[in-house]
Amino acid sequence: TLQTSVGVFVGSEEHGDNCNNPLIIATELCRVRMRKDRSRESIRRCKARFPQIESEYDISWEAEERETDEAVAARGVEFINWLLARKEKEIAVVSHGGFLKQTLLAIGHKCDPLVTCDNFTPFENCKIRSVIISGDHF
């Protein structure tokens, strides 16, 4: 996700695109689902490759067991509350399909009425979807 974020949103100096780069924040709240066969490097270790990314947390982990759908959904709701508290009103989220699916299922009742059921189907690789979240914190 770090590589995707930088590749999509950060201009290339070699092509003269080094202006208007948005703030990119890596947050533990929208990370990949923890599971036994997956570990994660700390953001600090990735900083050399991705100096444009700010981080609120710097956590490495190895899971003892697979994170449940309920735990992912709860973290997703916390993430949405974090987004709603930010001053920015148009925010791109780059994350993993499993996290996004569980989050959208958990907050589906708070999405704009025009949101279709397509937003609750599994994400394909590099899939882009637009969702308008309305209302107060959850």
C-alpha atoms as a PDB file:
ATOM      1  CA  THR A   1       0.000   0.000   0.000  1.00  0.00           C
ATOM      2  CA  LEU A   2       2.908   2.375   0.639  1.00  0.00           C
ATOM      3  CA  GLN A   3       4.260   1.758  -2.854  1.00  0.00           C
ATOM      4  CA  THR A   4       0.783   2.158  -4.385  1.00  0.00           C
ATOM      5  CA  SER A   5       0.148   5.409  -2.493  1.00  0.00           C
ATOM      6  CA  VAL A   6       3.414   6.945  -3.570  1.00  0.00           C
ATOM      7  CA  GLY A   7       3.055   5.661  -7.141  1.00  0.00           C
ATOM      8  CA  VAL A   8      -0.431   7.123  -7.518  1.00  0.00           C
ATOM      9  CA  PHE A   9      -0.251  10.350  -5.530  1.00  0.00           C
ATOM     10  CA  VAL A  10       3.364  11.549  -5.521  1.00  0.00           C
ATOM     11  CA  GLY A  11       4.815  13.240  -8.583  1.00  0.00           C
ATOM     12  CA  SER A  12       8.069  12.096 -10.067  1.00  0.00           C
ATOM     13  CA  GLU A  13      10.956  14.536  -9.828  1.00  0.00           C
ATOM     14  CA  GLU A  14      12.469  13.076 -12.988  1.00  0.00           C
ATOM     15  CA  HIS A  15       9.289  14.076 -14.857  1.00  0.00           C
ATOM     16  CA  GLY A  16       9.025  17.471 -13.173  1.00  0.00           C
ATOM     17  CA  ASP A  17       5.914  16.505 -11.184  1.00  0.00           C
ATOM     18  CA  ASN A  18       7.181  17.512  -7.748  1.00  0.00           C
ATOM     19  CA  CYS A  19       4.436  20.037  -6.948  1.00  0.00           C
ATOM     20  CA  ASN A  20       0.960  19.546  -5.476  1.00  0.00           C
ATOM     21  CA  ASN A  21       1.871  16.308  -3.737  1.00  0.00           C
ATOM     22  CA  PRO A  22      -0.761  15.483  -1.119  1.00  0.00           C
ATOM     23  CA  LEU A  23      -0.137  14.556   2.474  1.00  0.00           C
ATOM     24  CA  ILE A  24       0.173  10.763   2.799  1.00  0.00           C
ATOM     25  CA  ILE A  25      -0.283   9.277   6.257  1.00  0.00           C
ATOM     26  CA  ALA A  26       0.276   5.632   7.126  1.00  0.00           C
ATOM     27  CA  THR A  27      -2.000   4.676   9.990  1.00  0.00           C
ATOM     28  CA  GLU A  28      -2.222   1.402  11.853  1.00  0.00           C
ATOM     29  CA  LEU A  29      -6.009   1.668  11.715  1.00  0.00           C
ATOM     30  CA  CYS A  30      -6.304   0.688   8.034  1.00  0.00           C
ATOM     31  CA  ARG A  31      -3.540  -1.869   7.796  1.00  0.00           C
ATOM     32  CA  VAL A  32      -3.807  -5.351   6.326  1.00  0.00           C
ATOM     33  CA  ARG A  33      -5.574  -8.084   8.339  1.00  0.00           C
ATOM     34  CA  MET A  34      -3.190  -9.773  10.742  1.00  0.00           C
ATOM     35  CA  ARG A  35      -2.749 -13.482  10.259  1.00  0.00           C
ATOM     36  CA  LYS A  36      -0.256 -16.129  11.253  1.00  0.00           C
ATOM     37  CA  ASP A  37       1.560 -16.323   7.912  1.00  0.00           C
ATOM     38  CA  ARG A  38       2.030 -12.561   7.572  1.00  0.00           C
ATOM     39  CA  SER A  39       4.226 -10.071   9.406  1.00  0.00           C
ATOM     40  CA  ARG A  40       4.839  -6.409   8.871  1.00  0.00           C
ATOM     41  CA  GLU A  41       7.865  -4.173   8.945  1.00  0.00           C
ATOM     42  CA  SER A  42       7.756  -0.976  10.930  1.00  0.00           C
ATOM     43  CA  ILE A  43       7.142   2.241   8.998  1.00  0.00           C
ATOM     44  CA  ARG A  44      10.543   3.452  10.216  1.00  0.00           C
ATOM     45  CA  ARG A  45      12.220   0.622   8.279  1.00  0.00           C
ATOM     46  CA  CYS A  46      10.255   1.567   5.139  1.00  0.00           C
ATOM     47  CA  LYS A  47      11.010   5.284   5.490  1.00  0.00           C
ATOM     48  CA  ALA A  48      14.149   5.089   3.345  1.00  0.00           C
ATOM     49  CA  ARG A  49      12.066   3.846   0.387  1.00  0.00           C
ATOM     50  CA  PHE A  50       9.055   6.074   1.112  1.00  0.00           C
ATOM     51  CA  PRO A  51      10.251   9.353   2.674  1.00  0.00           C
ATOM     52  CA  GLN A  52       7.040  11.147   1.581  1.00  0.00           C
ATOM     53  CA  ILE A  53       4.879   9.161   3.989  1.00  0.00           C
ATOM     54  CA  GLU A  54       4.100  10.386   7.480  1.00  0.00           C
ATOM     55  CA  SER A  55       3.141   7.914  10.175  1.00  0.00           C
ATOM     56  CA  GLU A  56       1.128   8.234  13.347  1.00  0.00           C
ATOM     57  CA  TYR A  57       2.199   4.807  14.572  1.00  0.00           C
ATOM     58  CA  ASP A  58       5.279   2.709  14.053  1.00  0.00           C
ATOM     59  CA  ILE A  59       4.385  -0.837  14.939  1.00  0.00           C
ATOM     60  CA  SER A  60       5.886  -4.111  13.766  1.00  0.00           C
ATOM     61  CA  TRP A  61       3.908  -7.257  14.378  1.00  0.00           C
ATOM     62  CA  GLU A  62       3.638 -10.954  13.873  1.00  0.00           C
ATOM     63  CA  ALA A  63       0.206 -12.437  14.486  1.00  0.00           C
ATOM     64  CA  GLU A  64      -0.461 -15.469  16.647  1.00  0.00           C
ATOM     65  CA  GLU A  65      -3.735 -16.104  14.815  1.00  0.00           C
ATOM     66  CA  ARG A  66      -5.901 -14.678  12.057  1.00  0.00           C
ATOM     67  CA  GLU A  67      -7.645 -11.414  12.922  1.00  0.00           C
ATOM     68  CA  THR A  68     -11.428 -11.958  12.962  1.00  0.00           C
ATOM     69  CA  ASP A  69     -13.865 -10.192  10.656  1.00  0.00           C
ATOM     70  CA  GLU A  70     -15.366  -8.524  13.740  1.00  0.00           C
ATOM     71  CA  ALA A  71     -11.978  -7.189  14.862  1.00  0.00           C
ATOM     72  CA  VAL A  72     -11.233  -5.867  11.362  1.00  0.00           C
ATOM     73  CA  ALA A  73     -14.685  -4.224  11.200  1.00  0.00           C
ATOM     74  CA  ALA A  74     -14.206  -2.597  14.630  1.00  0.00           C
ATOM     75  CA  ARG A  75     -10.825  -1.242  13.542  1.00  0.00           C
ATOM     76  CA  GLY A  76     -12.465  -0.046  10.318  1.00  0.00           C
ATOM     77  CA  VAL A  77     -15.109   1.901  12.253  1.00  0.00           C
ATOM     78  CA  GLU A  78     -12.361   3.456  14.374  1.00  0.00           C
ATOM     79  CA  PHE A  79     -10.550   4.383  11.156  1.00  0.00           C
ATOM     80  CA  ILE A  80     -13.685   6.016   9.703  1.00  0.00           C
ATOM     81  CA  ASN A  81     -14.093   8.055  12.901  1.00  0.00           C
ATOM     82  CA  TRP A  82     -10.455   9.124  12.550  1.00  0.00           C
ATOM     83  CA  LEU A  83     -11.158  10.191   8.947  1.00  0.00           C
ATOM     84  CA  LEU A  84     -14.313  12.106   9.915  1.00  0.00           C
ATOM     85  CA  ALA A  85     -12.365  14.029  12.572  1.00  0.00           C
ATOM     86  CA  ARG A  86      -9.820  15.267  10.010  1.00  0.00           C
ATOM     87  CA  LYS A  87     -10.113  18.729   8.493  1.00  0.00           C
ATOM     88  CA  GLU A  88      -9.812  17.420   4.922  1.00  0.00           C
ATOM     89  CA  LYS A  89     -13.118  16.604   3.241  1.00  0.00           C
ATOM     90  CA  GLU A  90     -11.894  14.656   0.202  1.00  0.00           C
ATOM     91  CA  ILE A  91      -9.631  11.809   1.228  1.00  0.00           C
ATOM     92  CA  ALA A  92      -8.269   8.884  -0.769  1.00  0.00           C
ATOM     93  CA  VAL A  93      -7.804   5.671   1.189  1.00  0.00           C
ATOM     94  CA  VAL A  94      -5.294   3.119  -0.029  1.00  0.00           C
ATOM     95  CA  SER A  95      -5.610  -0.153   1.824  1.00  0.00           C
ATOM     96  CA  HIS A  96      -6.300  -3.867   1.444  1.00  0.00           C
ATOM     97  CA  GLY A  97      -9.489  -5.423   0.084  1.00  0.00           C
ATOM     98  CA  GLY A  98     -10.304  -7.438   3.206  1.00  0.00           C
ATOM     99  CA  PHE A  99     -10.041  -4.393   5.436  1.00  0.00           C
ATOM    100  CA  LEU A 100     -12.089  -2.236   3.064  1.00  0.00           C
ATOM    101  CA  LYS A 101     -14.808  -4.870   2.665  1.00  0.00           C
ATOM    102  CA  GLN A 102     -15.249  -5.348   6.429  1.00  0.00           C
ATOM    103  CA  THR A 103     -15.221  -1.583   6.993  1.00  0.00           C
ATOM    104  CA  LEU A 104     -17.847  -0.919   4.317  1.00  0.00           C
ATOM    105  CA  LEU A 105     -20.040  -3.702   5.676  1.00  0.00           C
ATOM    106  CA  ALA A 106     -19.755  -2.211   9.179  1.00  0.00           C
ATOM    107  CA  ILE A 107     -20.635   1.339   8.114  1.00  0.00           C
ATOM    108  CA  GLY A 108     -22.934   0.602   5.169  1.00  0.00           C
ATOM    109  CA  HIS A 109     -25.938   2.133   6.923  1.00  0.00           C
ATOM    110  CA  LYS A 110     -24.083   5.471   7.169  1.00  0.00           C
ATOM    111  CA  CYS A 111     -23.140   5.699   3.498  1.00  0.00           C
ATOM    112  CA  ASP A 112     -24.890   7.999   1.067  1.00  0.00           C
ATOM    113  CA  PRO A 113     -28.168   6.450  -0.149  1.00  0.00           C
ATOM    114  CA  LEU A 114     -26.791   6.489  -3.695  1.00  0.00           C
ATOM    115  CA  VAL A 115     -24.110   3.946  -2.726  1.00  0.00           C
ATOM    116  CA  THR A 116     -24.838   0.716  -4.554  1.00  0.00           C
ATOM    117  CA  CYS A 117     -24.377  -2.851  -3.425  1.00  0.00           C
ATOM    118  CA  ASP A 118     -21.279  -2.952  -5.656  1.00  0.00           C
ATOM    119  CA  ASN A 119     -19.364  -1.279  -2.822  1.00  0.00           C
ATOM    120  CA  PHE A 120     -19.838  -4.368  -0.664  1.00  0.00           C
ATOM    121  CA  THR A 121     -18.480  -6.923  -3.116  1.00  0.00           C
ATOM    122  CA  PRO A 122     -14.884  -8.166  -2.876  1.00  0.00           C
ATOM    123  CA  PHE A 123     -12.213  -5.794  -4.157  1.00  0.00           C
ATOM    124  CA  GLU A 124     -10.090  -6.757  -7.124  1.00  0.00           C
ATOM    125  CA  ASN A 125      -6.429  -5.752  -7.157  1.00  0.00           C
ATOM    126  CA  CYS A 126      -6.027  -1.997  -7.742  1.00  0.00           C
ATOM    127  CA  LYS A 127      -9.795  -1.432  -7.599  1.00  0.00           C
ATOM    128  CA  ILE A 128     -11.008   2.143  -7.125  1.00  0.00           C
ATOM    129  CA  ARG A 129     -14.378   2.943  -5.543  1.00  0.00           C
ATOM    130  CA  SER A 130     -15.967   6.182  -4.428  1.00  0.00           C
ATOM    131  CA  VAL A 131     -17.958   6.289  -1.210  1.00  0.00           C
ATOM    132  CA  ILE A 132     -19.567   9.291   0.432  1.00  0.00           C
ATOM    133  CA  ILE A 133     -19.875   8.896   4.194  1.00  0.00           C
ATOM    134  CA  SER A 134     -22.460  11.109   5.768  1.00  0.00           C
ATOM    135  CA  GLY A 135     -23.411  11.686   9.369  1.00  0.00           C
ATOM    136  CA  ASP A 136     -21.683  11.948  12.670  1.00  0.00           C
ATOM    137  CA  HIS A 137     -19.145   9.626  14.184  1.00  0.00           C
ATOM    138  CA  PHE A 138     -20.216   6.031  14.674  1.00  0.00           C
END
